[in-house]
Amino acid sequence: MGENKIMKRSSLKKQFVFNFFIILFFSVVATVVTVLILFTAINLKIINPENHYEQLVPQFEEYIKNNGYNVLNLERKEDILKLIDEEGMEYEILDLQGRYIHGTSHFLPMDSKDVLYKINTIDYRKDWNLERGYTNNIPINYASIKYIPVEYNGELKAIAAIKYNYKISSLFINNNLMKVINLYLFICPFFYLIIFTIIFIGKLNKRINKPINELIKASNNIKNKNLDFTINYDGDDELGDLISSFTNMKDELKNTLIKNWNMEEEKNNVTSAIAHDIKTPLTIIRGHVEILEEIDLRDQEKAKKHLKVIKQNTDRATKLIENMNYISKINRADFNLILEEVNIKDFVIEKETEFKLLCKEKNINFICEIYNEKNNNIAVFDKDKISQVLDNLIVNSLRFTESGGNINLIISIYDEKIRFIIKDDGIGFSTKDMNNLFNSFYQGDSSRSLEKGHSGLGLYMCKIIVEKHNGKIFAHNDENGGAVVEFYIDQ
């Protein structure tokens, strides 16, 4: 578990390098362990070298020479057995007449002449339980018998015969086993290298295939227009970066599609709203034209009255079309703001003068406050467009503020942003207003609307202009009552 977390935090290059060294490490360890097991087996005599029994003969011979005549004593048999390997060795003590004194078995029936003739020689006798073979011109799988004199004060007293087999081991009867073992010791590093490569590369392949399969699945989801999915991979490697980029691309695509769907829906709503709003003044114009056709045109007073209504509704339709053209223009991707350095203090004084005159007509108090945290009064924005936003917001507040009320404009200037707050003490916004206020052709909740006759495009245009300045606009109600609209722009 810990290893997987480490691997996920490592680059693919580091993962490959790590696996290379871990494969090498385990291969070396496994090879060393194998060699140690084989040598331990040999040391414990589980596996013996092919001349194992022959190597034990000198210590038997030395014991016979050192103890001399005493070896004829049967009590010495236990000591002698400790010097030989009974699995492949036998011994017997004969007197000079060839008579058996003691030993593991009586394997040398011979007369005194033969006994004396064999002293200090090695005899090779076929062991019918073993297969034939040769090693260094010495027959193997034959029993070798060595005859050792037993002397006392330089006088020959008896003969000790030691019989030993020439074979690899007491547990194995295949003469080629040692060659097989040597060959295995040679190939086992490569064998372990292959085995551990398969194991660790398989794990690495599984770790890499999981995110790749997730990407393939995600691609098929996008192909099938399904963008509501997540890719479960939290690695910090290159695959993690790829999946993160893929996820960002998917999210951006989803947002773009949602935006396009909303724009399409908005376009349909705009088309429907335009048809409705244009139909109203056209219907009125048509009605008054029909009246003019029926009345006596010499009655100029009546004619002027109808012509005035026709002109008002013609202006209304014209204004609507102009607003639509303006919105279409500023909504275009190639629309550019005319950014310029503006003395914010002079700009605010100019707008304050305009708004005070408008508010005075309705007996409304206009209060303007400005807070500048910069070292100067210079800000960069599109002066005409921001002026238009303020005009729309103040006019909107005038519509819902009663005589004797207040409208506040608060401007805060920071190093990177300018924040505008417009407050009034009217009836405030309903929940429906706050959810739809900046949508096109939204004319306000009936509980708040005191009048009609506006297209509902003013606040929508404000939203577009503010967003073109990398800003945001939102509305809420003041804690003490009244409506508040805030927006900020980058500078």
Protein backbone atom coordinates (compact mmCIF):
# COMPACT_ATOMS: atom_id res chain seq x y z
CA MET A 1 0.00 0.00 0.00
CA GLY A 2 2.81 2.35 0.97
CA GLU A 3 4.76 1.37 -2.12
CA ASN A 4 1.78 2.23 -4.36
CA LYS A 5 1.52 5.70 -2.75
CA ILE A 6 5.25 6.28 -3.30
CA MET A 7 4.99 5.11 -6.90
CA LYS A 8 2.01 7.39 -7.57
CA ARG A 9 4.03 10.34 -6.34
CA SER A 10 6.98 9.44 -8.57
CA SER A 11 7.51 10.21 -12.24
CA LEU A 12 7.36 7.38 -14.78
CA LYS A 13 11.13 7.66 -15.26
CA LYS A 14 11.69 7.20 -11.52
CA GLN A 15 9.25 4.29 -11.47
CA PHE A 16 11.14 2.51 -14.27
CA VAL A 17 14.50 3.16 -12.58
CA PHE A 18 13.13 2.00 -9.22
CA ASN A 19 11.77 -1.22 -10.74
CA PHE A 20 15.09 -1.84 -12.53
CA PHE A 21 17.03 -1.66 -9.28
CA ILE A 22 14.42 -3.59 -7.29
CA ILE A 23 14.51 -6.39 -9.90
CA LEU A 24 18.30 -6.40 -9.75
CA PHE A 25 18.26 -6.40 -5.95
CA PHE A 26 15.83 -9.31 -5.60
CA SER A 27 17.65 -11.30 -8.30
CA VAL A 28 20.98 -10.89 -6.46
CA VAL A 29 19.40 -11.75 -3.10
CA ALA A 30 17.64 -14.82 -4.51
CA THR A 31 20.89 -15.99 -6.17
CA VAL A 32 22.89 -15.53 -2.96
CA VAL A 33 20.23 -17.37 -0.95
CA THR A 34 20.26 -20.25 -3.47
CA VAL A 35 24.05 -20.53 -3.31
CA LEU A 36 23.97 -20.41 0.51
CA ILE A 37 21.35 -23.17 0.60
CA LEU A 38 23.46 -25.40 -1.67
CA PHE A 39 26.65 -24.80 0.32
CA THR A 40 24.76 -25.35 3.57
CA ALA A 41 23.42 -28.61 2.18
CA ILE A 42 26.97 -29.69 1.30
CA ASN A 43 28.33 -28.66 4.70
CA LEU A 44 25.53 -30.55 6.45
CA LYS A 45 26.33 -33.52 4.19
CA ILE A 46 22.89 -33.43 2.63
CA ILE A 47 24.82 -33.18 -0.63
CA ASN A 48 28.37 -34.44 -0.75
CA PRO A 49 31.11 -33.89 -3.34
CA GLU A 50 31.99 -36.85 -5.56
CA ASN A 51 35.24 -37.58 -3.58
CA HIS A 52 33.59 -37.14 -0.20
CA TYR A 53 34.32 -40.66 1.07
CA GLU A 54 37.83 -40.62 -0.27
CA GLN A 55 38.54 -37.45 1.74
CA LEU A 56 37.65 -39.28 4.97
CA VAL A 57 40.20 -42.07 4.41
CA PRO A 58 43.30 -40.11 5.64
CA GLN A 59 41.80 -39.48 9.09
CA PHE A 60 40.96 -43.21 9.38
CA GLU A 61 44.48 -44.11 8.34
CA GLU A 62 46.02 -41.64 10.78
CA TYR A 63 43.92 -43.06 13.64
CA ILE A 64 45.11 -46.60 12.83
CA LYS A 65 48.76 -45.55 12.77
CA ASN A 66 48.51 -43.51 15.99
CA ASN A 67 46.73 -46.19 17.99
CA GLY A 68 48.55 -49.22 16.58
CA TYR A 69 47.82 -52.51 18.32
CA ASN A 70 45.03 -50.92 20.42
CA VAL A 71 42.69 -50.78 17.43
CA LEU A 72 42.28 -54.55 17.75
CA ASN A 73 40.22 -53.87 20.86
CA LEU A 74 36.49 -54.00 20.09
CA GLU A 75 35.96 -50.97 22.31
CA ARG A 76 37.73 -48.86 19.69
CA LYS A 77 35.00 -49.61 17.14
CA GLU A 78 32.84 -46.70 18.37
CA ASP A 79 35.73 -44.25 17.89
CA ILE A 80 36.43 -45.55 14.41
CA LEU A 81 32.78 -45.22 13.35
CA LYS A 82 32.93 -41.52 14.17
CA LEU A 83 35.72 -41.12 11.57
CA ILE A 84 33.86 -42.61 8.62
CA ASP A 85 30.55 -42.08 6.81
CA GLU A 86 28.77 -45.43 7.10
CA GLU A 87 26.48 -44.53 4.21
CA GLY A 88 29.31 -45.10 1.71
CA MET A 89 32.15 -46.56 3.81
CA GLU A 90 32.93 -49.84 5.55
CA TYR A 91 35.91 -51.07 7.52
CA GLU A 92 37.22 -54.26 9.06
CA ILE A 93 40.24 -55.32 11.10
CA LEU A 94 41.91 -58.65 10.11
CA ASP A 95 44.68 -60.55 11.79
CA LEU A 96 47.63 -61.79 9.80
CA GLN A 97 45.80 -65.06 9.04
CA GLY A 98 42.92 -63.09 7.44
CA ARG A 99 40.55 -63.72 10.32
CA TYR A 100 37.88 -61.03 11.07
CA ILE A 101 38.43 -59.21 14.39
CA HIS A 102 35.82 -56.38 14.21
CA GLY A 103 34.38 -53.83 11.75
CA THR A 104 31.19 -52.77 10.06
CA SER A 105 31.09 -56.00 8.03
CA HIS A 106 33.31 -58.86 6.93
CA PHE A 107 33.76 -57.99 3.26
CA LEU A 108 37.29 -59.46 2.73
CA PRO A 109 37.37 -63.22 2.85
CA MET A 110 41.06 -63.88 2.12
CA ASP A 111 43.94 -66.05 3.34
CA SER A 112 47.08 -64.80 5.09
CA LYS A 113 49.07 -64.66 1.89
CA ASP A 114 46.58 -62.32 0.26
CA VAL A 115 46.46 -60.12 3.38
CA LEU A 116 50.20 -59.59 3.44
CA TYR A 117 50.23 -58.92 -0.29
CA LYS A 118 47.63 -56.12 -0.09
CA ILE A 119 49.35 -53.98 2.61
CA ASN A 120 49.62 -50.25 1.60
CA THR A 121 47.71 -50.79 -1.64
CA ILE A 122 44.33 -49.70 -2.99
CA ASP A 123 42.06 -52.25 -4.57
CA TYR A 124 39.08 -51.38 -6.81
CA ARG A 125 36.19 -53.78 -6.61
CA LYS A 126 32.93 -53.52 -8.49
CA ASP A 127 29.94 -52.51 -6.40
CA TRP A 128 26.93 -54.09 -8.11
CA ASN A 129 24.56 -51.60 -6.50
CA LEU A 130 26.15 -48.69 -8.42
CA GLU A 131 26.40 -47.69 -12.09
CA ARG A 132 29.77 -47.70 -13.83
CA GLY A 133 31.76 -44.58 -14.73
CA TYR A 134 35.21 -42.97 -14.56
CA THR A 135 36.59 -39.77 -13.02
CA ASN A 136 40.24 -38.82 -13.62
CA ASN A 137 40.95 -42.40 -14.82
CA ILE A 138 39.62 -43.77 -11.50
CA PRO A 139 36.56 -45.96 -11.84
CA ILE A 140 33.60 -44.41 -10.06
CA ASN A 141 30.64 -46.31 -8.72
CA TYR A 142 33.20 -48.93 -7.83
CA ALA A 143 34.24 -49.69 -4.28
CA SER A 144 37.79 -48.65 -3.49
CA ILE A 145 39.53 -50.64 -0.70
CA LYS A 146 42.69 -49.45 1.00
CA TYR A 147 44.78 -51.76 3.19
CA ILE A 148 46.56 -50.13 6.15
CA PRO A 149 49.10 -51.98 8.35
CA VAL A 150 48.49 -52.20 12.13
CA GLU A 151 51.91 -52.20 13.88
CA TYR A 152 53.20 -52.41 17.40
CA ASN A 153 56.80 -51.37 18.08
CA GLY A 154 57.51 -51.59 14.36
CA GLU A 155 56.13 -55.12 14.08
CA LEU A 156 53.11 -55.91 11.87
CA LYS A 157 50.24 -57.21 14.00
CA ALA A 158 47.12 -56.87 11.80
CA ILE A 159 45.61 -55.19 8.76
CA ALA A 160 42.86 -52.50 8.65
CA ALA A 161 40.84 -52.39 5.44
CA ILE A 162 38.70 -49.36 4.59
CA LYS A 163 36.16 -49.65 1.79
CA TYR A 164 34.63 -46.47 0.30
CA ASN A 165 32.41 -45.79 -2.66
CA TYR A 166 33.31 -43.24 -5.32
CA LYS A 167 29.98 -41.47 -5.96
CA ILE A 168 28.35 -38.03 -5.54
CA SER A 169 26.09 -38.43 -2.55
CA SER A 170 24.26 -40.73 -0.30
CA LEU A 171 20.96 -39.11 -1.33
CA PHE A 172 21.48 -38.96 -5.10
CA ILE A 173 22.48 -41.70 -7.47
CA ASN A 174 22.83 -39.57 -10.65
CA ASN A 175 26.48 -39.05 -11.46
CA ASN A 176 25.69 -35.88 -13.46
CA LEU A 177 24.01 -34.16 -10.52
CA MET A 178 27.01 -32.00 -9.69
CA LYS A 179 27.17 -30.85 -13.30
CA VAL A 180 23.49 -29.99 -13.09
CA ILE A 181 24.07 -28.07 -9.85
CA ASN A 182 26.97 -26.15 -11.37
CA LEU A 183 24.87 -25.35 -14.44
CA TYR A 184 22.01 -24.18 -12.21
CA LEU A 185 24.32 -21.93 -10.23
CA PHE A 186 25.37 -20.39 -13.53
CA ILE A 187 21.87 -19.81 -14.91
CA CYS A 188 19.98 -19.04 -11.67
CA PRO A 189 20.88 -15.27 -11.73
CA PHE A 190 19.35 -15.02 -15.21
CA PHE A 191 16.41 -17.19 -14.15
CA TYR A 192 15.67 -14.95 -11.15
CA LEU A 193 16.17 -11.86 -13.33
CA ILE A 194 13.49 -13.10 -15.73
CA ILE A 195 11.10 -14.12 -12.92
CA PHE A 196 11.35 -10.82 -11.02
CA THR A 197 11.19 -8.83 -14.27
CA ILE A 198 7.88 -10.55 -15.09
CA ILE A 199 6.56 -9.88 -11.56
CA PHE A 200 7.57 -6.23 -11.14
CA ILE A 201 7.05 -5.14 -14.76
CA GLY A 202 3.64 -6.82 -14.56
CA LYS A 203 2.81 -4.71 -11.48
CA LEU A 204 4.12 -1.57 -13.20
CA ASN A 205 2.12 -2.41 -16.33
CA LYS A 206 -1.02 -2.84 -14.22
CA ARG A 207 -0.36 0.48 -12.49
CA ILE A 208 0.09 2.26 -15.84
CA ASN A 209 -2.79 0.51 -17.60
CA LYS A 210 -5.35 1.59 -14.99
CA PRO A 211 -5.20 5.34 -15.77
CA ILE A 212 -4.82 4.62 -19.50
CA ASN A 213 -8.00 2.52 -19.43
CA GLU A 214 -9.70 5.32 -17.48
CA LEU A 215 -8.68 7.77 -20.23
CA ILE A 216 -9.99 5.45 -22.95
CA LYS A 217 -13.27 5.11 -21.05
CA ALA A 218 -13.44 8.88 -20.58
CA SER A 219 -12.79 9.45 -24.30
CA ASN A 220 -15.65 7.11 -25.17
CA ASN A 221 -17.91 9.01 -22.74
CA ILE A 222 -17.08 12.29 -24.48
CA LYS A 223 -17.64 10.63 -27.84
CA ASN A 224 -21.10 9.59 -26.61
CA LYS A 225 -21.73 13.19 -25.40
CA ASN A 226 -21.58 12.18 -21.75
CA LEU A 227 -19.62 14.73 -19.72
CA ASP A 228 -20.91 13.78 -16.26
CA PHE A 229 -18.06 11.49 -15.17
CA THR A 230 -14.93 11.57 -13.04
CA ILE A 231 -11.57 9.86 -13.53
CA ASN A 232 -10.37 8.11 -10.39
CA TYR A 233 -6.60 8.54 -10.34
CA ASP A 234 -4.69 10.60 -7.80
CA GLY A 235 -1.10 10.01 -8.93
CA ASP A 236 1.41 12.85 -9.16
CA ASP A 237 3.29 11.35 -12.10
CA GLU A 238 3.04 12.19 -15.81
CA LEU A 239 -0.12 10.11 -16.12
CA GLY A 240 -1.63 12.09 -13.25
CA ASP A 241 -0.75 15.32 -15.07
CA LEU A 242 -2.26 13.94 -18.27
CA ILE A 243 -5.48 12.94 -16.50
CA SER A 244 -5.61 16.31 -14.74
CA SER A 245 -5.25 18.09 -18.10
CA PHE A 246 -7.86 15.77 -19.63
CA THR A 247 -10.24 16.49 -16.73
CA ASN A 248 -9.70 20.24 -17.13
CA MET A 249 -10.36 19.92 -20.85
CA LYS A 250 -13.53 17.95 -20.13
CA ASP A 251 -14.70 20.52 -17.58
CA GLU A 252 -13.91 23.39 -19.95
CA LEU A 253 -15.77 21.60 -22.75
CA LYS A 254 -18.71 21.02 -20.43
CA ASN A 255 -18.75 24.67 -19.35
CA THR A 256 -18.51 25.78 -22.98
CA LEU A 257 -21.39 23.52 -23.99
CA ILE A 258 -23.49 24.70 -21.05
CA LYS A 259 -22.66 28.28 -21.96
CA ASN A 260 -23.61 27.63 -25.59
CA TRP A 261 -26.83 25.95 -24.51
CA ASN A 262 -27.64 28.90 -22.26
CA MET A 263 -26.80 31.32 -25.07
CA GLU A 264 -29.00 29.36 -27.44
CA GLU A 265 -31.82 29.38 -24.90
CA GLU A 266 -31.25 33.06 -24.27
CA LYS A 267 -31.26 33.74 -27.98
CA ASN A 268 -34.60 31.97 -28.28
CA ASN A 269 -35.93 33.98 -25.33
CA VAL A 270 -34.61 37.20 -26.88
CA THR A 271 -36.25 36.40 -30.20
CA SER A 272 -39.52 35.68 -28.44
CA ALA A 273 -39.22 38.85 -26.32
CA ILE A 274 -38.36 41.02 -29.33
CA ALA A 275 -41.35 39.69 -31.22
CA HIS A 276 -43.56 40.43 -28.23
CA ASP A 277 -42.13 43.89 -27.47
CA ILE A 278 -42.16 45.04 -31.08
CA LYS A 279 -45.63 43.67 -31.62
CA THR A 280 -47.05 45.96 -28.88
CA PRO A 281 -46.00 49.34 -30.38
CA LEU A 282 -46.76 48.08 -33.91
CA THR A 283 -50.26 47.08 -32.82
CA ILE A 284 -50.78 50.50 -31.26
CA ILE A 285 -49.45 52.24 -34.41
CA ARG A 286 -51.70 50.14 -36.61
CA GLY A 287 -54.75 50.95 -34.47
CA HIS A 288 -54.14 54.70 -34.64
CA VAL A 289 -53.47 54.55 -38.39
CA GLU A 290 -56.83 52.80 -38.86
CA ILE A 291 -58.50 55.55 -36.78
CA LEU A 292 -56.81 58.23 -38.90
CA GLU A 293 -58.18 56.56 -42.00
CA GLU A 294 -61.71 56.84 -40.64
CA ILE A 295 -61.74 60.35 -39.11
CA ASP A 296 -61.97 63.70 -40.81
CA LEU A 297 -58.33 64.73 -41.29
CA ARG A 298 -59.41 68.34 -41.35
CA ASP A 299 -59.87 68.00 -37.59
CA GLN A 300 -56.19 68.70 -36.91
CA GLU A 301 -56.55 68.46 -33.14
CA LYS A 302 -57.61 64.80 -33.31
CA ALA A 303 -55.06 64.03 -36.03
CA LYS A 304 -52.18 65.44 -33.98
CA LYS A 305 -53.26 63.42 -30.97
CA HIS A 306 -53.12 60.16 -32.93
CA LEU A 307 -49.89 61.11 -34.71
CA LYS A 308 -48.26 61.80 -31.32
CA VAL A 309 -49.11 58.27 -30.12
CA ILE A 310 -47.80 56.83 -33.40
CA LYS A 311 -44.52 58.75 -32.99
CA GLN A 312 -44.11 57.60 -29.35
CA ASN A 313 -44.53 53.96 -30.26
CA THR A 314 -42.31 54.34 -33.32
CA ASP A 315 -39.60 55.75 -31.03
CA ARG A 316 -40.21 52.92 -28.62
CA ALA A 317 -39.73 50.29 -31.37
CA THR A 318 -36.69 52.14 -32.69
CA LYS A 319 -35.16 52.29 -29.20
CA LEU A 320 -35.73 48.57 -28.76
CA ILE A 321 -34.03 47.77 -32.06
CA GLU A 322 -31.11 50.09 -31.18
CA ASN A 323 -30.69 48.33 -27.83
CA MET A 324 -30.74 44.95 -29.54
CA ASN A 325 -28.13 46.06 -32.04
CA TYR A 326 -26.00 47.41 -29.20
CA ILE A 327 -26.25 44.16 -27.23
CA SER A 328 -25.40 42.17 -30.35
CA LYS A 329 -22.36 44.40 -30.85
CA ILE A 330 -20.95 44.14 -27.32
CA ASN A 331 -21.64 40.41 -27.17
CA ARG A 332 -19.39 39.74 -30.13
CA ALA A 333 -16.03 38.09 -29.38
CA ASP A 334 -14.17 40.73 -31.41
CA PHE A 335 -15.73 43.61 -29.46
CA ASN A 336 -13.02 45.68 -27.78
CA LEU A 337 -13.34 48.15 -24.95
CA ILE A 338 -11.84 51.59 -25.42
CA LEU A 339 -9.60 51.58 -22.37
CA GLU A 340 -8.12 54.87 -21.27
CA GLU A 341 -6.57 56.51 -18.23
CA VAL A 342 -9.38 58.26 -16.35
CA ASN A 343 -9.11 60.69 -13.45
CA ILE A 344 -11.56 58.87 -11.24
CA LYS A 345 -12.17 61.90 -9.00
CA ASP A 346 -13.17 64.10 -11.96
CA PHE A 347 -15.24 61.26 -13.40
CA VAL A 348 -17.19 60.83 -10.14
CA ILE A 349 -17.77 64.59 -9.73
CA GLU A 350 -19.13 64.73 -13.28
CA LYS A 351 -21.53 61.81 -12.71
CA GLU A 352 -22.53 63.14 -9.29
CA THR A 353 -23.65 66.43 -10.90
CA GLU A 354 -25.77 64.53 -13.46
CA PHE A 355 -27.38 62.24 -10.90
CA LYS A 356 -28.18 65.01 -8.45
CA LEU A 357 -30.15 66.83 -11.16
CA LEU A 358 -32.11 63.65 -11.98
CA CYS A 359 -32.84 62.96 -8.31
CA LYS A 360 -33.84 66.59 -7.65
CA GLU A 361 -36.66 66.28 -10.18
CA LYS A 362 -38.20 63.50 -8.02
CA ASN A 363 -37.31 65.09 -4.68
CA ILE A 364 -34.79 62.30 -3.92
CA ASN A 365 -31.55 62.84 -2.05
CA PHE A 366 -28.42 61.65 -3.89
CA ILE A 367 -25.33 60.97 -1.76
CA CYS A 368 -21.96 60.15 -3.33
CA GLU A 369 -18.96 58.77 -1.38
CA ILE A 370 -15.52 57.90 -2.70
CA TYR A 371 -12.69 56.00 -0.97
CA ASN A 372 -9.30 55.94 -2.67
CA GLU A 373 -6.61 53.56 -1.38
CA LYS A 374 -4.29 54.29 -4.29
CA ASN A 375 -1.53 56.87 -4.33
CA ASN A 376 -3.17 58.67 -7.26
CA ASN A 377 -6.58 59.27 -8.88
CA ILE A 378 -5.80 57.54 -12.19
CA ALA A 379 -7.68 54.38 -13.20
CA VAL A 380 -7.91 52.54 -16.51
CA PHE A 381 -11.31 51.54 -17.93
CA ASP A 382 -13.76 52.34 -20.74
CA LYS A 383 -15.18 55.63 -19.49
CA ASP A 384 -18.25 55.72 -21.76
CA LYS A 385 -19.26 52.10 -21.02
CA ILE A 386 -18.91 52.44 -17.23
CA SER A 387 -20.79 55.75 -17.40
CA GLN A 388 -23.55 53.89 -19.21
CA VAL A 389 -23.64 51.20 -16.49
CA LEU A 390 -23.96 53.82 -13.74
CA ASP A 391 -26.69 55.65 -15.71
CA ASN A 392 -28.74 52.46 -16.03
CA LEU A 393 -28.36 51.53 -12.35
CA ILE A 394 -29.21 55.03 -11.02
CA VAL A 395 -32.22 55.34 -13.36
CA ASN A 396 -33.37 51.91 -12.21
CA SER A 397 -33.10 53.02 -8.55
CA LEU A 398 -35.07 56.20 -9.37
CA ARG A 399 -37.94 54.07 -10.66
CA PHE A 400 -38.33 52.35 -7.28
CA THR A 401 -37.44 55.12 -4.82
CA GLU A 402 -40.29 57.25 -3.54
CA SER A 403 -40.17 61.04 -3.17
CA GLY A 404 -38.10 62.05 -0.15
CA GLY A 405 -36.04 58.85 -0.36
CA ASN A 406 -32.28 58.40 -0.72
CA ILE A 407 -29.93 56.94 -3.33
CA ASN A 408 -26.29 56.32 -2.39
CA LEU A 409 -23.34 55.83 -4.75
CA ILE A 410 -20.22 54.47 -2.99
CA ILE A 411 -16.98 54.07 -4.97
CA SER A 412 -13.90 52.30 -3.53
CA ILE A 413 -10.65 52.44 -5.49
CA TYR A 414 -7.96 49.78 -4.95
CA ASP A 415 -4.69 49.06 -6.73
CA GLU A 416 -6.19 46.43 -9.03
CA LYS A 417 -9.96 46.91 -8.75
CA ILE A 418 -12.67 49.57 -8.54
CA ARG A 419 -15.82 48.74 -6.61
CA PHE A 420 -19.18 50.50 -7.15
CA ILE A 421 -22.17 50.19 -4.80
CA ILE A 422 -25.61 51.71 -5.61
CA LYS A 423 -28.10 51.66 -2.72
CA ASP A 424 -31.67 52.92 -2.49
CA ASP A 425 -34.33 52.79 0.21
CA GLY A 426 -37.09 51.48 -2.03
CA ILE A 427 -38.96 48.19 -1.60
CA GLY A 428 -35.92 46.02 -2.42
CA PHE A 429 -35.70 42.91 -4.60
CA SER A 430 -37.83 39.80 -4.46
CA THR A 431 -36.21 36.36 -4.69
CA LYS A 432 -37.38 36.15 -8.29
CA ASP A 433 -35.73 39.51 -9.02
CA MET A 434 -32.36 38.47 -7.65
CA ASN A 435 -32.39 35.25 -9.69
CA ASN A 436 -33.33 36.93 -12.97
CA LEU A 437 -32.36 40.58 -12.60
CA PHE A 438 -29.52 40.53 -15.11
CA ASN A 439 -31.25 38.34 -17.68
CA SER A 440 -32.26 39.92 -20.96
CA PHE A 441 -35.84 41.26 -21.24
CA TYR A 442 -36.51 40.69 -17.54
CA GLN A 443 -38.84 43.53 -16.51
CA GLY A 444 -39.05 42.80 -12.79
CA ASP A 445 -41.35 40.97 -10.42
CA SER A 446 -44.91 42.27 -10.50
CA SER A 447 -44.72 43.01 -6.76
CA ARG A 448 -41.78 45.40 -7.39
CA SER A 449 -42.70 46.78 -10.82
CA LEU A 450 -44.38 50.13 -10.49
CA GLU A 451 -44.40 50.77 -14.22
CA LYS A 452 -43.85 49.17 -17.52
CA GLY A 453 -42.58 50.69 -20.68
CA HIS A 454 -38.97 49.57 -20.36
CA SER A 455 -37.47 46.75 -22.39
CA GLY A 456 -35.67 44.89 -19.62
CA LEU A 457 -32.34 45.17 -21.44
CA GLY A 458 -30.66 47.83 -19.27
CA LEU A 459 -29.33 45.59 -16.49
CA TYR A 460 -28.47 42.88 -19.03
CA MET A 461 -26.26 45.40 -20.86
CA CYS A 462 -24.70 46.38 -17.51
CA LYS A 463 -23.77 42.75 -16.89
CA ILE A 464 -22.11 42.38 -20.30
CA ILE A 465 -20.09 45.61 -19.95
CA VAL A 466 -18.93 44.71 -16.41
CA GLU A 467 -17.88 41.21 -17.51
CA LYS A 468 -15.98 42.73 -20.46
CA HIS A 469 -13.96 44.58 -17.79
CA ASN A 470 -13.22 41.18 -16.12
CA GLY A 471 -15.60 42.14 -13.35
CA LYS A 472 -18.77 40.85 -11.75
CA ILE A 473 -22.15 42.37 -10.90
CA PHE A 474 -24.68 41.15 -8.34
CA ALA A 475 -27.69 42.37 -6.38
CA HIS A 476 -29.05 41.91 -2.86
CA ASN A 477 -31.19 43.65 -0.28
CA ASP A 478 -29.78 45.91 2.40
CA GLU A 479 -30.17 44.80 6.02
CA ASN A 480 -32.03 48.05 6.78
CA GLY A 481 -34.27 47.79 3.72
CA GLY A 482 -33.88 48.83 0.11
CA ALA A 483 -32.05 47.40 -2.87
CA VAL A 484 -28.28 47.16 -3.38
CA VAL A 485 -26.46 46.57 -6.66
CA GLU A 486 -22.68 46.08 -6.53
CA PHE A 487 -20.14 45.62 -9.25
CA TYR A 488 -16.37 45.71 -9.55
CA ILE A 489 -14.05 46.00 -12.52
CA ASP A 490 -10.35 45.28 -13.03
CA GLN A 491 -8.15 48.22 -13.93
